[in-house]
Amino acid sequence: MFVPVVSENINRSQRIVAQIRSLIAEGKLKPGDRLPPERELAQLMNVSLTSVREAIQNRE
């Protein structure tokens, strides 16, 4: 369900948030569903734990 994040013009944390929002829009995640633990999410998306934490904190 989650795919590696490739850096382009948008920073990694913004791409993580965009991917999660996209999964919600596609119905693959429902609002309120639990995400995998931070470490697992970082591995699945091929990003640092810091990027995942930043994305979770700045989810506006």
N, C-alpha and C. Protein backbone atom coordinates (compact mmCIF):
# COMPACT_ATOMS: atom_id res chain seq x y z
N MET A 1 0.83 -1.18 0.00
CA MET A 1 0.00 0.00 0.00
C MET A 1 0.88 1.25 0.00
N PHE A 2 1.87 1.33 0.85
CA PHE A 2 2.77 2.47 0.88
C PHE A 2 3.92 2.20 -0.09
N VAL A 3 4.37 3.24 -0.77
CA VAL A 3 5.46 3.09 -1.72
C VAL A 3 6.59 4.03 -1.34
N PRO A 4 7.82 3.71 -1.77
CA PRO A 4 8.94 4.59 -1.46
C PRO A 4 8.70 6.02 -1.96
N VAL A 5 9.20 6.96 -1.19
CA VAL A 5 9.07 8.37 -1.54
C VAL A 5 10.31 8.77 -2.32
N VAL A 6 10.11 9.36 -3.47
CA VAL A 6 11.21 9.83 -4.30
C VAL A 6 11.26 11.35 -4.19
N SER A 7 12.42 11.86 -3.85
CA SER A 7 12.54 13.31 -3.71
C SER A 7 12.47 13.99 -5.06
N GLU A 8 11.60 14.95 -5.15
CA GLU A 8 11.50 15.79 -6.35
C GLU A 8 11.48 17.23 -5.87
N ASN A 9 10.55 18.02 -6.34
CA ASN A 9 10.49 19.42 -5.94
C ASN A 9 9.87 19.61 -4.55
N ILE A 10 9.09 18.65 -4.09
CA ILE A 10 8.44 18.75 -2.79
C ILE A 10 9.28 17.99 -1.78
N ASN A 11 9.40 18.53 -0.56
CA ASN A 11 10.24 17.82 0.41
C ASN A 11 9.59 16.50 0.83
N ARG A 12 10.37 15.65 1.42
CA ARG A 12 9.92 14.29 1.73
C ARG A 12 8.72 14.26 2.66
N SER A 13 8.73 15.10 3.69
CA SER A 13 7.61 15.05 4.63
C SER A 13 6.31 15.44 3.94
N GLN A 14 6.36 16.40 3.02
CA GLN A 14 5.16 16.78 2.27
C GLN A 14 4.70 15.64 1.36
N ARG A 15 5.63 14.91 0.79
CA ARG A 15 5.27 13.78 -0.08
C ARG A 15 4.66 12.64 0.73
N ILE A 16 5.14 12.45 1.95
CA ILE A 16 4.56 11.43 2.83
C ILE A 16 3.11 11.78 3.13
N VAL A 17 2.88 13.04 3.52
CA VAL A 17 1.51 13.49 3.81
C VAL A 17 0.64 13.34 2.56
N ALA A 18 1.17 13.72 1.40
CA ALA A 18 0.40 13.61 0.15
C ALA A 18 0.03 12.16 -0.14
N GLN A 19 0.95 11.25 0.11
CA GLN A 19 0.68 9.83 -0.15
C GLN A 19 -0.40 9.30 0.79
N ILE A 20 -0.34 9.67 2.05
CA ILE A 20 -1.35 9.23 3.01
C ILE A 20 -2.72 9.80 2.64
N ARG A 21 -2.75 11.08 2.28
CA ARG A 21 -4.02 11.69 1.85
C ARG A 21 -4.57 11.01 0.61
N SER A 22 -3.70 10.65 -0.30
CA SER A 22 -4.11 9.96 -1.52
C SER A 22 -4.72 8.59 -1.19
N LEU A 23 -4.10 7.88 -0.26
CA LEU A 23 -4.62 6.57 0.15
C LEU A 23 -6.00 6.71 0.79
N ILE A 24 -6.21 7.79 1.53
CA ILE A 24 -7.53 8.06 2.12
C ILE A 24 -8.53 8.35 1.01
N ALA A 25 -8.15 9.19 0.05
CA ALA A 25 -9.04 9.55 -1.06
C ALA A 25 -9.42 8.32 -1.89
N GLU A 26 -8.49 7.38 -2.04
CA GLU A 26 -8.74 6.16 -2.81
C GLU A 26 -9.51 5.12 -2.02
N GLY A 27 -9.74 5.37 -0.74
CA GLY A 27 -10.46 4.43 0.10
C GLY A 27 -9.60 3.30 0.65
N LYS A 28 -8.30 3.36 0.42
CA LYS A 28 -7.40 2.32 0.93
C LYS A 28 -7.13 2.51 2.42
N LEU A 29 -7.25 3.75 2.88
CA LEU A 29 -7.19 4.08 4.30
C LEU A 29 -8.44 4.88 4.61
N LYS A 30 -8.97 4.64 5.78
CA LYS A 30 -10.14 5.40 6.20
C LYS A 30 -9.70 6.36 7.31
N PRO A 31 -10.31 7.53 7.39
CA PRO A 31 -9.97 8.43 8.50
C PRO A 31 -10.12 7.67 9.83
N GLY A 32 -9.11 7.76 10.66
CA GLY A 32 -9.13 7.05 11.93
C GLY A 32 -8.38 5.74 11.91
N ASP A 33 -8.07 5.20 10.71
CA ASP A 33 -7.27 3.98 10.63
C ASP A 33 -5.89 4.25 11.24
N ARG A 34 -5.34 3.23 11.84
CA ARG A 34 -3.99 3.36 12.38
C ARG A 34 -2.96 3.19 11.27
N LEU A 35 -1.96 4.03 11.30
CA LEU A 35 -0.83 3.88 10.39
C LEU A 35 0.14 2.87 11.00
N PRO A 36 1.01 2.29 10.19
CA PRO A 36 2.05 1.43 10.76
C PRO A 36 2.92 2.25 11.72
N PRO A 37 3.64 1.58 12.61
CA PRO A 37 4.57 2.30 13.49
C PRO A 37 5.54 3.15 12.66
N GLU A 38 6.04 4.21 13.27
CA GLU A 38 6.92 5.15 12.55
C GLU A 38 8.08 4.45 11.86
N ARG A 39 8.75 3.56 12.57
CA ARG A 39 9.91 2.87 11.97
C ARG A 39 9.51 2.04 10.76
N GLU A 40 8.40 1.34 10.86
CA GLU A 40 7.94 0.52 9.74
C GLU A 40 7.54 1.41 8.56
N LEU A 41 6.86 2.50 8.85
CA LEU A 41 6.46 3.43 7.80
C LEU A 41 7.69 4.01 7.10
N ALA A 42 8.70 4.35 7.86
CA ALA A 42 9.95 4.87 7.29
C ALA A 42 10.58 3.83 6.35
N GLN A 43 10.58 2.58 6.76
CA GLN A 43 11.15 1.52 5.91
C GLN A 43 10.31 1.31 4.66
N LEU A 44 8.99 1.28 4.82
CA LEU A 44 8.11 1.07 3.67
C LEU A 44 8.24 2.18 2.63
N MET A 45 8.45 3.40 3.12
CA MET A 45 8.50 4.56 2.22
C MET A 45 9.94 4.95 1.86
N ASN A 46 10.90 4.21 2.40
CA ASN A 46 12.31 4.43 2.12
C ASN A 46 12.74 5.87 2.45
N VAL A 47 12.35 6.31 3.64
CA VAL A 47 12.70 7.64 4.12
C VAL A 47 13.24 7.50 5.54
N SER A 48 13.76 8.59 6.06
CA SER A 48 14.27 8.56 7.42
C SER A 48 13.12 8.66 8.42
N LEU A 49 13.41 8.22 9.62
CA LEU A 49 12.45 8.32 10.71
C LEU A 49 12.12 9.79 10.98
N THR A 50 13.10 10.65 10.82
CA THR A 50 12.89 12.09 11.00
C THR A 50 11.87 12.62 10.01
N SER A 51 11.93 12.18 8.76
CA SER A 51 10.97 12.63 7.74
C SER A 51 9.55 12.19 8.10
N VAL A 52 9.41 10.96 8.59
CA VAL A 52 8.09 10.46 8.99
C VAL A 52 7.56 11.27 10.16
N ARG A 53 8.40 11.52 11.14
CA ARG A 53 7.97 12.29 12.32
C ARG A 53 7.58 13.71 11.92
N GLU A 54 8.34 14.31 11.04
CA GLU A 54 8.03 15.65 10.56
C GLU A 54 6.69 15.65 9.83
N ALA A 55 6.45 14.65 9.01
CA ALA A 55 5.18 14.56 8.27
C ALA A 55 4.00 14.42 9.23
N ILE A 56 4.16 13.61 10.25
CA ILE A 56 3.08 13.39 11.21
C ILE A 56 2.79 14.67 11.99
N GLN A 57 3.83 15.39 12.35
CA GLN A 57 3.66 16.63 13.12
C GLN A 57 3.08 17.75 12.28
N ASN A 58 3.43 17.80 11.01
CA ASN A 58 3.03 18.90 10.12
C ASN A 58 2.00 18.44 9.11
N ARG A 59 0.96 17.82 9.55
CA ARG A 59 -0.01 17.21 8.65
C ARG A 59 -1.09 18.16 8.17
N GLU A 60 -0.90 19.43 8.30
CA GLU A 60 -1.93 20.40 7.89
C GLU A 60 -2.19 20.35 6.44
